[in-house]
Protein backbone atom coordinates (compact mmCIF):
# COMPACT_ATOMS: atom_id res chain seq x y z
CA UNK A 1 258.44 56.06 42.72
CA UNK A 2 261.63 57.33 41.17
CA UNK A 3 263.62 55.08 38.86
CA UNK A 4 266.04 53.17 41.06
CA UNK A 5 268.68 53.01 38.33
CA UNK A 6 272.05 53.88 39.79
CA UNK A 7 273.24 55.17 36.44
CA UNK A 8 271.61 58.54 37.21
CA UNK A 9 273.01 60.75 39.95
CA UNK A 10 270.95 62.38 42.68
CA UNK A 11 271.40 65.94 41.40
CA UNK A 12 269.83 64.89 38.10
CA UNK A 13 266.68 63.77 39.89
CA UNK A 14 266.66 67.07 41.84
CA UNK A 15 266.97 68.96 38.57
CA UNK A 16 264.03 67.03 37.11
CA UNK A 17 261.85 67.89 40.11
CA UNK A 18 262.70 71.61 39.98
CA UNK A 19 262.28 71.81 36.20
CA UNK A 20 258.78 70.39 36.58
CA UNK A 21 257.62 73.37 38.69
CA UNK A 22 259.99 76.26 38.10
CA UNK A 23 257.92 78.02 35.41
CA UNK A 24 254.58 77.52 37.16
CA UNK A 25 252.86 80.03 39.43
CA UNK A 26 253.26 78.69 42.98
CA UNK A 27 249.93 77.78 44.61
CA UNK A 28 250.88 79.64 47.79
CA UNK A 29 250.02 83.12 49.06
CA UNK A 30 253.30 85.04 48.63
CA UNK A 31 252.45 87.34 51.53
CA UNK A 32 252.57 84.48 54.04
CA UNK A 33 256.37 84.54 53.69
CA UNK A 34 257.21 83.87 57.35
CA UNK A 35 255.45 80.51 57.41
CA UNK A 36 256.60 79.76 53.86
CA UNK A 37 260.26 80.35 54.71
CA UNK A 38 259.87 78.23 57.83
CA UNK A 39 258.50 75.43 55.64
CA UNK A 40 261.34 75.90 53.16
CA UNK A 41 263.92 75.56 55.93
CA UNK A 42 262.28 72.40 57.23
CA UNK A 43 262.02 70.85 53.76
CA UNK A 44 265.66 71.63 52.98
CA UNK A 45 266.75 70.11 56.29
CA UNK A 46 264.98 66.93 55.23
CA UNK A 47 266.55 67.14 51.76
CA UNK A 48 270.03 67.33 53.30
CA UNK A 49 269.23 64.30 55.44
CA UNK A 50 267.88 62.47 52.37
CA UNK A 51 271.04 63.34 50.46
CA UNK A 52 273.19 61.86 53.22
CA UNK A 53 271.07 58.70 53.27
CA UNK A 54 271.14 58.50 49.48
CA UNK A 55 274.93 58.88 49.44
CA UNK A 56 275.28 56.10 52.01
CA UNK A 57 272.99 53.81 49.99
CA UNK A 58 274.86 54.58 46.78
CA UNK A 59 278.15 53.82 48.49
CA UNK A 60 276.84 50.53 49.84
CA UNK A 61 275.27 49.57 46.51
CA UNK A 62 278.42 50.34 44.51
CA UNK A 63 280.62 48.58 47.05
CA UNK A 64 278.39 45.52 46.95
CA UNK A 65 278.28 45.50 43.14
CA UNK A 66 282.06 45.74 42.89
CA UNK A 67 282.52 43.05 45.55
CA UNK A 68 280.17 40.66 43.74
CA UNK A 69 281.85 41.32 40.42
CA UNK A 70 285.20 40.68 42.06
CA UNK A 71 283.86 37.43 43.55
CA UNK A 72 282.64 36.19 40.16
CA UNK A 73 286.04 36.89 38.62
CA UNK A 74 287.88 35.37 41.59
CA UNK A 75 285.63 32.30 41.54
CA UNK A 76 286.47 31.67 37.88
CA UNK A 77 290.14 32.07 38.71
CA UNK A 78 289.78 29.71 41.68
CA UNK A 79 288.22 27.10 39.41
CA UNK A 80 291.23 27.36 37.12
CA UNK A 81 293.69 27.24 40.04
CA UNK A 82 291.89 24.24 41.51
CA UNK A 83 292.16 22.37 38.24
CA UNK A 84 295.82 23.29 37.84
CA UNK A 85 296.83 22.56 41.42
CA UNK A 86 294.95 19.26 41.62
CA UNK A 87 295.58 17.97 38.10
CA UNK A 88 296.68 14.28 38.26
CA UNK A 89 297.77 13.75 34.66
CA UNK A 90 301.51 13.99 35.45
CA UNK A 91 301.16 11.75 38.51
CA UNK A 92 299.27 9.15 36.53
CA UNK A 93 302.01 9.14 33.93
CA UNK A 94 304.61 8.75 36.68
CA UNK A 95 302.66 5.92 38.25
CA UNK A 96 302.37 4.14 34.91
CA UNK A 97 306.10 4.50 34.26
CA UNK A 98 306.97 3.16 37.69
CA UNK A 99 304.61 0.19 37.30
CA UNK A 100 305.88 -0.62 33.83
CA UNK A 101 309.49 -0.40 35.00
CA UNK A 102 308.86 -2.70 37.98
CA UNK A 103 307.08 -5.17 35.74
CA UNK A 104 309.91 -5.14 33.17
CA UNK A 105 312.64 -5.58 35.77
CA UNK A 106 310.75 -8.40 37.44
CA UNK A 107 310.86 -10.43 34.25
CA UNK A 108 314.68 -10.31 33.89
CA UNK A 109 316.45 -13.45 35.27
CA UNK A 110 319.24 -12.81 37.72
CA UNK A 111 320.02 -9.36 36.41
CA UNK A 112 321.34 -7.13 39.16
CA UNK A 113 318.71 -4.45 38.22
CA UNK A 114 316.04 -6.77 39.47
CA UNK A 115 316.79 -5.55 42.95
CA UNK A 116 315.08 -2.16 42.02
CA UNK A 117 311.72 -3.79 41.49
CA UNK A 118 310.49 -3.19 45.05
CA UNK A 119 311.48 0.48 44.81
CA UNK A 120 309.55 1.03 41.60
CA UNK A 121 306.61 -0.96 42.91
CA UNK A 122 306.41 1.12 46.12
CA UNK A 123 306.93 4.30 44.10
CA UNK A 124 303.98 3.41 41.93
CA UNK A 125 301.85 2.79 45.02
CA UNK A 126 302.94 6.11 46.56
CA UNK A 127 302.10 7.92 43.35
CA UNK A 128 298.70 6.26 43.35
CA UNK A 129 298.17 7.60 46.88
CA UNK A 130 299.25 11.06 45.70
CA UNK A 131 296.66 10.89 42.91
CA UNK A 132 293.99 9.95 45.46
CA UNK A 133 294.95 12.89 47.69
CA UNK A 134 294.90 15.30 44.73
CA UNK A 135 291.42 14.09 43.81
CA UNK A 136 290.27 14.66 47.42
CA UNK A 137 291.86 18.14 47.39
CA UNK A 138 290.06 18.93 44.17
CA UNK A 139 286.75 17.80 45.59
CA UNK A 140 287.33 19.75 48.82
CA UNK A 141 288.32 22.92 47.00
CA UNK A 142 285.31 22.53 44.71
CA UNK A 143 283.04 22.14 47.75
CA UNK A 144 284.59 25.24 49.37
CA UNK A 145 284.12 27.29 46.22
CA UNK A 146 280.53 26.06 45.90
CA UNK A 147 279.76 27.16 49.47
CA UNK A 148 281.23 30.59 48.77
CA UNK A 149 279.28 30.82 45.51
CA UNK A 150 276.05 29.71 47.21
CA UNK A 151 276.61 32.35 49.92
CA UNK A 152 277.31 35.14 47.44
CA UNK A 153 274.38 34.14 45.21
CA UNK A 154 272.02 34.06 48.19
CA UNK A 155 273.34 37.44 49.37
CA UNK A 156 272.99 38.87 45.88
CA UNK A 157 269.35 37.82 45.79
CA UNK A 158 268.74 39.81 48.99
CA UNK A 159 270.08 42.88 47.20
CA UNK A 160 267.44 42.50 44.50
CA UNK A 161 264.51 41.21 46.62
CA UNK A 162 261.67 43.81 46.71
CA UNK A 163 261.26 45.29 50.19
CA UNK A 164 264.46 43.80 51.58
CA UNK A 165 266.73 46.01 53.69
CA UNK A 166 269.70 45.05 51.52
CA UNK A 167 267.97 46.20 48.35
CA UNK A 168 269.94 49.46 48.21
CA UNK A 169 268.67 50.49 44.79
CA UNK A 170 265.03 50.20 45.86
CA UNK A 171 265.69 52.08 49.10
CA UNK A 172 267.51 54.79 47.13
CA UNK A 173 264.52 55.07 44.82
CA UNK A 174 262.22 55.69 47.79
CA UNK A 175 264.56 58.35 49.16
CA UNK A 176 264.75 60.03 45.75
CA UNK A 177 260.95 60.16 45.59
CA UNK A 178 260.89 61.91 48.97
CA UNK A 179 263.62 64.38 48.06
CA UNK A 180 261.92 65.20 44.75
CA UNK A 181 258.66 65.97 46.54
CA UNK A 182 260.37 68.10 49.18
CA UNK A 183 262.66 69.98 46.80
CA UNK A 184 259.75 70.84 44.48
CA UNK A 185 257.62 72.04 47.40
CA UNK A 186 260.52 73.98 48.91
CA UNK A 187 261.29 75.60 45.57
CA UNK A 188 257.73 76.78 44.96
CA UNK A 189 257.37 78.07 48.51
CA UNK A 190 260.72 79.83 48.25
CA UNK A 191 259.66 81.47 44.97
CA UNK A 192 256.44 82.69 46.62
CA UNK A 193 258.14 83.89 49.81
CA UNK A 194 260.89 85.63 47.86
CA UNK A 195 258.35 87.53 45.76
CA UNK A 196 256.34 88.53 48.84
CA UNK A 197 259.34 89.74 50.85
CA UNK A 198 260.78 91.73 47.95
CA UNK A 199 257.39 93.24 47.05
CA UNK A 200 256.12 94.07 50.53
CA UNK A 201 259.30 94.63 52.52
CA UNK A 202 261.72 95.65 49.81
CA UNK A 203 264.32 93.10 50.95
CA UNK A 204 267.47 92.95 48.87
CA UNK A 205 269.21 89.71 47.96
CA UNK A 206 272.93 89.32 48.51
CA UNK A 207 274.51 88.69 45.08
CA UNK A 208 276.89 86.22 46.74
CA UNK A 209 273.87 84.07 47.64
CA UNK A 210 271.63 84.58 44.62
CA UNK A 211 268.41 82.65 44.22
CA UNK A 212 269.40 79.27 42.72
CA UNK A 213 268.52 78.52 39.11
CA UNK A 214 268.80 75.34 37.08
CA UNK A 215 271.61 75.53 34.49
CA UNK A 216 270.98 72.18 32.82
CA UNK A 217 274.59 71.03 33.09
CA UNK A 218 276.94 69.51 35.65
CA UNK A 219 276.98 72.75 37.69
CA UNK A 220 273.56 71.69 38.94
CA UNK A 221 275.38 69.25 41.21
CA UNK A 222 275.54 72.00 43.87
CA UNK A 223 271.97 73.29 43.34
CA UNK A 224 270.83 72.01 46.73
CA UNK A 225 273.77 73.67 48.47
CA UNK A 226 273.09 76.99 46.71
CA UNK A 227 269.42 76.68 47.67
CA UNK A 228 270.34 76.18 51.33
CA UNK A 229 272.73 79.15 51.30
CA UNK A 230 270.11 81.43 49.72
CA UNK A 231 267.53 80.36 52.30
CA UNK A 232 269.87 81.01 55.21
CA UNK A 233 270.77 84.44 53.85
CA UNK A 234 267.12 85.45 53.29
CA UNK A 235 266.16 84.36 56.79
CA UNK A 236 269.02 86.45 58.18
CA UNK A 237 267.98 89.43 56.05
CA UNK A 238 264.41 89.17 57.35
CA UNK A 239 265.66 88.93 60.93
CA UNK A 240 267.71 92.10 60.47
CA UNK A 241 264.72 93.85 58.89
CA UNK A 242 262.41 92.78 61.74
CA UNK A 243 264.66 94.15 64.47
CA UNK A 244 263.33 97.68 63.84
CA UNK A 245 259.69 96.65 63.56
CA UNK A 246 257.01 97.17 66.15
CA UNK A 247 253.71 95.36 66.71
CA UNK A 248 250.95 97.55 68.12
CA UNK A 249 247.17 97.73 68.40
CA UNK A 250 244.73 100.45 67.44
CA UNK A 251 241.02 100.81 68.19
CA UNK A 252 239.30 102.67 65.35
CA UNK A 253 235.68 103.78 65.98
CA UNK A 254 233.72 103.96 62.75
CA UNK A 255 231.02 106.46 63.79
CA UNK A 256 231.83 108.21 67.05
CA UNK A 257 234.37 111.05 66.74
CA UNK A 258 237.57 110.12 68.48
CA UNK A 259 240.99 111.41 69.38
CA UNK A 260 243.57 109.16 67.83
CA UNK A 261 246.98 108.59 69.36
CA UNK A 262 249.63 110.45 67.35
CA UNK A 263 247.00 111.60 64.83
CA UNK A 264 247.87 114.61 62.66
CA UNK A 265 245.19 116.77 64.30
CA UNK A 266 243.78 116.90 67.85
CA UNK A 267 240.50 115.34 66.68
CA UNK A 268 240.84 112.91 63.83
CA UNK A 269 237.83 112.55 61.52
CA UNK A 270 235.67 109.51 62.03
CA UNK A 271 234.90 107.20 59.15
CA UNK A 272 231.21 108.10 59.31
CA UNK A 273 229.17 110.80 60.95
CA UNK A 274 226.55 109.56 63.37
CA UNK A 275 223.87 110.33 60.79
CA UNK A 276 225.65 108.65 57.88
CA UNK A 277 226.34 105.62 60.05
CA UNK A 278 222.65 105.36 60.90
CA UNK A 279 221.77 105.77 57.23
CA UNK A 280 224.04 102.87 56.29
CA UNK A 281 222.48 100.70 58.97
CA UNK A 282 218.91 101.94 58.51
CA UNK A 283 217.92 98.59 57.08
CA UNK A 284 220.05 96.47 59.37
CA UNK A 285 217.28 94.04 60.05
CA UNK A 286 217.72 90.46 58.92
CA UNK A 287 219.55 91.59 55.78
CA UNK A 288 222.31 93.35 57.72
CA UNK A 289 224.35 96.36 56.62
CA UNK A 290 227.53 97.00 54.61
CA UNK A 291 230.23 99.56 55.42
CA UNK A 292 233.32 100.43 53.38
CA UNK A 293 236.17 102.15 55.20
CA UNK A 294 239.66 103.44 54.45
CA UNK A 295 241.94 102.34 57.29
CA UNK A 296 244.91 104.27 55.94
CA UNK A 297 243.30 107.59 56.89
CA UNK A 298 243.17 106.53 60.54
CA UNK A 299 246.81 105.51 60.88
CA UNK A 300 249.21 107.74 62.77
CA UNK A 301 251.08 110.08 60.46
CA UNK A 302 254.36 108.35 61.22
CA UNK A 303 252.92 105.15 59.78
CA UNK A 304 251.47 106.55 56.58
CA UNK A 305 253.91 106.25 53.72
CA UNK A 306 253.64 108.59 50.77
CA UNK A 307 255.60 109.30 47.64
CA UNK A 308 257.74 111.89 49.40
CA UNK A 309 258.51 109.82 52.48
CA UNK A 310 262.11 108.95 53.22
CA UNK A 311 260.98 105.83 55.05
CA UNK A 312 258.62 103.01 54.20
CA UNK A 313 256.70 101.64 57.20
CA UNK A 314 255.27 98.62 55.32
CA UNK A 315 252.21 98.49 57.56
CA UNK A 316 250.60 95.06 57.53
CA UNK A 317 248.00 93.25 59.57
CA UNK A 318 248.58 90.73 62.29
CA UNK A 319 245.00 90.51 63.59
CA UNK A 320 241.63 92.21 63.17
CA UNK A 321 238.38 92.22 65.15
CA UNK A 322 235.23 94.17 65.93
CA UNK A 323 233.30 95.34 68.96
CA UNK A 324 229.96 97.14 69.13
CA UNK A 325 229.32 100.58 70.52
CA UNK A 326 226.02 100.51 72.39
CA UNK A 327 224.17 102.75 74.79
CA UNK A 328 225.29 102.56 78.40
CA UNK A 329 222.02 100.99 79.48
CA UNK A 330 222.10 98.51 76.61
CA UNK A 331 221.66 94.81 77.30
CA UNK A 332 225.27 93.57 77.85
CA UNK A 333 224.49 90.34 76.01
CA UNK A 334 223.81 92.20 72.78
CA UNK A 335 225.74 90.68 69.93
CA UNK A 336 226.13 90.80 66.17
CA UNK A 337 227.83 88.73 63.50
CA UNK A 338 230.20 90.25 60.98
CA UNK A 339 232.27 89.49 57.92
CA UNK A 340 235.31 91.59 57.05
CA UNK A 341 236.68 91.56 53.52
CA UNK A 342 240.19 92.97 53.36
CA UNK A 343 241.51 94.75 50.27
CA UNK A 344 243.16 92.77 47.52
CA UNK A 345 246.95 93.03 47.35
CA UNK A 346 249.10 93.53 44.25
CA UNK A 347 250.42 90.33 42.76
CA UNK A 348 254.18 90.35 43.49
CA UNK A 349 254.92 88.33 40.36
CA UNK A 350 254.09 91.49 38.38
CA UNK A 351 257.49 92.86 39.44
CA UNK A 352 259.37 89.79 40.73
CA UNK A 353 259.58 87.57 37.67
CA UNK A 354 259.26 83.82 37.83
CA UNK A 355 262.05 81.73 36.36
CA UNK A 356 261.60 81.60 32.60
CA UNK A 357 258.99 84.39 32.62
CA UNK A 358 259.52 88.11 32.21
CA UNK A 359 258.39 90.75 34.69
CA UNK A 360 255.81 93.41 33.97
CA UNK A 361 252.95 90.96 33.45
CA UNK A 362 249.61 91.98 34.89
CA UNK A 363 248.27 89.21 37.08
CA UNK A 364 245.19 88.81 39.21
CA UNK A 365 245.56 90.46 42.59
CA UNK A 366 246.04 88.32 45.70
CA UNK A 367 242.70 87.86 47.44
CA UNK A 368 242.12 86.95 51.06
CA UNK A 369 239.52 84.66 52.55
CA UNK A 370 236.87 86.75 54.36
CA UNK A 371 237.27 87.20 58.10
CA UNK A 372 234.25 85.68 59.83
CA UNK A 373 233.42 86.97 63.32
CA UNK A 374 230.56 84.92 64.68
CA UNK A 375 230.03 87.05 67.78
CA UNK A 376 230.66 90.79 67.95
CA UNK A 377 229.99 91.91 71.52
CA UNK A 378 229.84 95.38 73.13
CA UNK A 379 233.10 97.25 73.48
CA UNK A 380 234.87 97.12 76.83
CA UNK A 381 237.92 99.22 77.54
CA UNK A 382 239.39 96.53 79.80
CA UNK A 383 239.03 93.58 77.45
CA UNK A 384 240.06 92.65 73.93
CA UNK A 385 237.29 91.24 71.75
CA UNK A 386 237.61 88.09 69.75
CA UNK A 387 239.87 88.75 66.80
CA UNK A 388 241.06 86.79 63.78
CA UNK A 389 244.79 86.25 63.23
CA UNK A 390 244.99 83.42 60.73
CA UNK A 391 246.15 83.27 57.13
CA UNK A 392 243.15 85.36 56.05
CA UNK A 393 244.70 88.30 57.93
CA UNK A 394 248.45 87.74 58.17
CA UNK A 395 250.48 90.39 56.31
CA UNK A 396 247.41 91.81 54.58
CA UNK A 397 247.89 95.46 53.66
CA UNK A 398 244.99 97.45 55.16
CA UNK A 399 246.09 100.59 53.30
CA UNK A 400 245.85 99.10 49.79
CA UNK A 401 242.16 99.90 49.30
CA UNK A 402 238.83 99.97 51.09
CA UNK A 403 238.00 97.40 53.74
CA UNK A 404 234.41 96.11 53.66
CA UNK A 405 232.48 95.16 56.79
CA UNK A 406 229.15 93.36 56.66
CA UNK A 407 227.36 93.49 60.03
CA UNK A 408 224.32 91.37 60.84
CA UNK A 409 222.29 91.14 64.07
CA UNK A 410 221.88 87.92 66.00
CA UNK A 411 218.37 86.76 66.97
CA UNK A 412 219.28 86.40 70.62
CA UNK A 413 218.56 88.83 73.44
CA UNK A 414 219.75 87.40 76.73
CA UNK A 415 217.68 84.29 77.35
CA UNK A 416 214.74 85.45 75.25
CA UNK A 417 214.62 83.40 72.04
CA UNK A 418 212.19 85.53 70.01
CA UNK A 419 212.28 86.85 66.49
CA UNK A 420 213.22 90.42 67.40
CA UNK A 421 216.43 91.61 65.79
CA UNK A 422 218.86 94.29 66.85
CA UNK A 423 217.78 97.53 65.31
CA UNK A 424 219.91 100.46 64.25
CA UNK A 425 218.91 102.26 67.44
CA UNK A 426 220.82 99.65 69.45
CA UNK A 427 224.04 99.71 67.43
CA UNK A 428 225.52 103.17 67.94
CA UNK A 429 229.02 102.48 66.67
CA UNK A 430 231.42 99.82 65.49
CA UNK A 431 234.98 99.78 66.72
CA UNK A 432 237.58 98.13 64.53
CA UNK A 433 240.41 96.50 66.49
CA UNK A 434 243.58 96.05 64.48
CA UNK A 435 246.96 94.64 65.44
CA UNK A 436 249.60 95.89 63.06
CA UNK A 437 253.26 95.33 62.32
CA UNK A 438 255.24 98.19 60.86
CA UNK A 439 258.62 99.84 60.73
CA UNK A 440 257.81 103.45 61.63
CA UNK A 441 260.10 106.41 61.39
CA UNK A 442 262.52 106.85 64.28
CA UNK A 443 262.48 110.66 63.98
CA UNK A 444 260.55 112.26 66.82
CA UNK A 445 259.27 115.10 64.64
CA UNK A 446 257.26 112.63 62.58
CA UNK A 447 255.33 111.55 65.66
CA UNK A 448 254.50 115.03 66.92
CA UNK A 449 251.23 116.67 65.88
CA UNK A 450 252.87 120.10 65.66
CA UNK A 451 256.27 121.74 65.99
CA UNK A 452 258.60 120.02 68.41
CA UNK A 453 258.20 121.76 71.81
CA UNK A 454 261.24 123.67 73.02
CA UNK A 455 261.21 121.80 76.31
CA UNK A 456 261.82 118.45 74.59
CA UNK A 457 264.08 119.47 71.75
CA UNK A 458 267.14 117.31 71.53
CA UNK A 459 270.74 118.39 71.37
CA UNK A 460 272.12 119.56 68.06
CA UNK A 461 273.25 116.69 65.87
CA UNK A 462 271.11 114.06 67.62
CA UNK A 463 268.39 112.12 65.83
CA UNK A 464 265.09 113.98 66.00
């Protein structure tokens, strides 16, 4: 738990937490930036709430400390005032003088002054009463001050009792521990998300809301506020970017020739010929078969970026799955198992430097967990097969390199539990189902397979 000492301010604890992680590689996949930024926003919301609670506790603790200090000083002053206001020394002297005078006058024969004896005698008695009253006042004031002191001392103990609600310093320490955990997590996730969005989407940061850095001086007092402003601006920038994106699905046969929507030629090449596909799967028995494919070649032309393109589609995966191409009379319960290994992605920290580290460093590429499909069933045009859409797929770039597919037969044919496996003669094709997000060109000519037909040409000056 954080040190509960009130001599250190909250922003100093925040600075300590950020300094502890700011030069480390975040343990998060930078390409999962949507979920990361969502987590950052949630953590910062909690940090703002913690800061409010911490400020309230600090205010209460300081107020209580000042009040107790004032009480101690006032109590000492009250002791002095009590002694001064109830001091009987002067009264006792007066009483003695009155008694002595009465006694002296009483011993004088028929002197006319003898008539003042009763007055001095009664005056001495009255003074004695006044002394008694002063002593009672002193005792009463002392009792009152003791009750106040007992109350304040008892209350003060509550402020230092472990676990007590009035122990503001201890409660502040717990809040600081929470805010340090959240701010460190938010910072590392923000670093990862920032790198991923800049690398994959090319997002630009607004200089007015730059990514917050620790200065090591009193300007760090507004670090949390600058962090919140950067986060809000990046979320807005991503929302604006996403407005022109589309999410679509493609079915890519691996062996059977196919006509692809918006492909550059009427018949796009398949990944394998029927013969080469059979050769790859010739030994598909219990050991299975491995296929390596280039998804980029199967994308519509308007989604394939190149060095000369004036747009960048930033194609990335949302989901991926497989279905089997089988003969029409094939057993409909035929099924296979498959593992898909997506291509590694460039490490964004190679170009988006971490705080305290220069860019241009070569780092290990970002790897994805394999996609495991436990049941690959025959293709049906009216149904979507089981697909994976978790972190192992999200925002993966299928155009970065080859995608590997390991296909293995299942030892189950309908209700017959025998040892026969699916042979290559039963698996005629594999169809790769991909759901993609991209920002394609808005120019019609980029979608057409040939020259734009005269009948659909747009008016001069319009976007084409």
